[in-house]
Protein backbone atom coordinates (compact mmCIF):
# COMPACT_ATOMS: atom_id res chain seq x y z
CA MET A 1 -76.19 -59.59 -37.14
CA ARG A 2 -77.44 -59.30 -33.55
CA LYS A 3 -75.13 -56.35 -32.82
CA LEU A 4 -76.35 -54.52 -35.90
CA THR A 5 -79.96 -55.07 -34.88
CA MET A 6 -79.30 -53.75 -31.37
CA ILE A 7 -77.50 -50.69 -32.73
CA LEU A 8 -80.35 -49.95 -35.13
CA LEU A 9 -82.95 -50.39 -32.39
CA ALA A 10 -80.99 -48.08 -30.08
CA ALA A 11 -80.69 -45.45 -32.82
CA ALA A 12 -84.42 -45.71 -33.58
CA THR A 13 -85.24 -45.30 -29.89
CA VAL A 14 -83.09 -42.20 -29.61
CA LEU A 15 -84.63 -40.72 -32.74
CA MET A 16 -88.17 -41.41 -31.52
CA THR A 17 -87.54 -39.80 -28.15
CA THR A 18 -86.21 -36.63 -29.78
CA LEU A 19 -89.50 -36.13 -31.61
CA THR A 20 -91.13 -34.88 -28.41
CA ALA A 21 -88.57 -32.09 -28.15
CA PHE A 22 -89.69 -30.69 -31.48
CA ALA A 23 -93.41 -31.23 -30.92
CA GLN A 24 -94.01 -27.86 -29.27
CA ALA A 25 -93.17 -24.47 -30.66
CA PRO A 26 -90.68 -22.52 -28.54
CA ASP A 27 -92.18 -19.82 -26.36
CA HIS A 28 -89.77 -16.90 -26.65
CA ALA A 29 -92.16 -14.36 -25.16
CA ALA A 30 -92.18 -15.98 -21.71
CA GLU A 31 -88.48 -15.37 -21.08
CA PRO A 32 -86.71 -12.01 -21.47
CA ALA A 33 -83.72 -11.96 -23.81
CA ASN A 34 -81.24 -11.07 -21.04
CA MET A 35 -82.24 -14.05 -18.83
CA SER A 36 -81.55 -16.83 -21.32
CA TYR A 37 -78.23 -17.83 -19.75
CA LYS A 38 -79.65 -19.28 -16.50
CA GLY A 39 -79.74 -22.83 -17.79
CA TYR A 40 -76.17 -22.61 -19.02
CA VAL A 41 -74.97 -21.37 -15.64
CA ALA A 42 -76.65 -24.29 -13.89
CA ILE A 43 -75.17 -26.79 -16.35
CA ALA A 44 -71.70 -25.25 -16.03
CA ALA A 45 -71.94 -25.31 -12.23
CA GLY A 46 -72.95 -28.97 -12.31
CA ILE A 47 -70.09 -29.88 -14.64
CA GLY A 48 -67.62 -27.95 -12.49
CA PHE A 49 -68.83 -29.72 -9.38
CA ALA A 50 -68.56 -33.08 -11.15
CA ILE A 51 -64.93 -32.30 -11.99
CA ALA A 52 -64.28 -31.33 -8.35
CA VAL A 53 -65.87 -34.55 -7.09
CA PHE A 54 -63.86 -36.61 -9.58
CA GLY A 55 -60.62 -34.96 -8.47
CA GLY A 56 -61.49 -35.49 -4.81
CA ALA A 57 -62.32 -39.15 -5.41
CA MET A 58 -59.05 -39.69 -7.24
CA GLY A 59 -57.10 -38.02 -4.44
CA GLN A 60 -58.87 -40.02 -1.75
CA SER A 61 -58.26 -43.29 -3.58
CA ARG A 62 -54.57 -42.50 -3.93
CA ILE A 63 -54.33 -41.63 -0.24
CA GLY A 64 -56.00 -44.91 0.69
CA ALA A 65 -53.73 -46.91 -1.58
CA ALA A 66 -50.61 -45.20 -0.27
CA ALA A 67 -51.71 -45.73 3.35
CA CYS A 68 -52.34 -49.43 2.76
CA GLU A 69 -48.98 -49.79 1.06
CA GLY A 70 -47.19 -47.93 3.83
CA ALA A 71 -48.85 -49.98 6.55
CA ALA A 72 -47.99 -53.18 4.70
CA ARG A 73 -44.34 -52.20 4.44
CA ASN A 74 -44.01 -51.01 8.03
CA PRO A 75 -46.71 -52.38 10.34
CA GLY A 76 -45.22 -50.58 13.33
CA ALA A 77 -46.02 -47.20 11.78
CA ALA A 78 -49.61 -48.11 10.92
CA PRO A 79 -51.25 -45.95 13.64
CA LYS A 80 -49.33 -42.85 12.55
CA ILE A 81 -50.09 -43.57 8.91
CA GLN A 82 -53.78 -43.98 9.73
CA VAL A 83 -53.92 -40.63 11.52
CA MET A 84 -52.26 -38.85 8.61
CA MET A 85 -54.55 -40.64 6.14
CA ILE A 86 -57.68 -39.54 8.02
CA LEU A 87 -56.39 -35.96 8.14
CA GLY A 88 -55.70 -35.97 4.40
CA LEU A 89 -59.11 -37.48 3.62
CA ALA A 90 -60.83 -34.84 5.76
CA LEU A 91 -59.00 -32.02 3.99
CA ILE A 92 -59.85 -33.37 0.54
CA GLU A 93 -63.50 -33.84 1.51
CA SER A 94 -63.61 -30.26 2.84
CA LEU A 95 -62.41 -29.02 -0.56
CA VAL A 96 -65.21 -30.93 -2.29
CA LEU A 97 -67.77 -29.50 0.14
CA PHE A 98 -66.36 -26.03 -0.49
CA ALA A 99 -66.88 -26.61 -4.22
CA LEU A 100 -70.49 -27.57 -3.46
CA LEU A 101 -70.98 -24.30 -1.56
CA VAL A 102 -69.53 -22.36 -4.49
CA VAL A 103 -71.97 -24.11 -6.84
CA PHE A 104 -74.90 -23.21 -4.60
CA ALA A 105 -73.71 -19.59 -4.41
CA VAL A 106 -73.34 -19.30 -8.18
CA VAL A 107 -76.70 -20.89 -8.94
CA ALA A 108 -78.47 -18.85 -6.24
CA ARG A 109 -77.06 -15.59 -7.62
CA VAL A 110 -78.50 -16.22 -11.08
């Protein structure tokens, strides 16, 4: 019974907050018809950057896990493994920063 009450309260809260979106009439005269895609470009750029960040985080976590496993198996090679791990992490992070620059370029052009 408690779960049902919480679900109903959450649904009521969501429905009450959407009322403010419909309270004002849309102002179509303020924006030209050919400029209506700006918001979609910003949202698409944000989603694309989120995907790039997610991929970079997954790659970095796998590199870290593999480096820990390699150092645990062969402690004598730990310094070489650490150098290669840092190089790989830097390259992955540079790709994520490049994606951020692309997002800024796309949003600035619109």
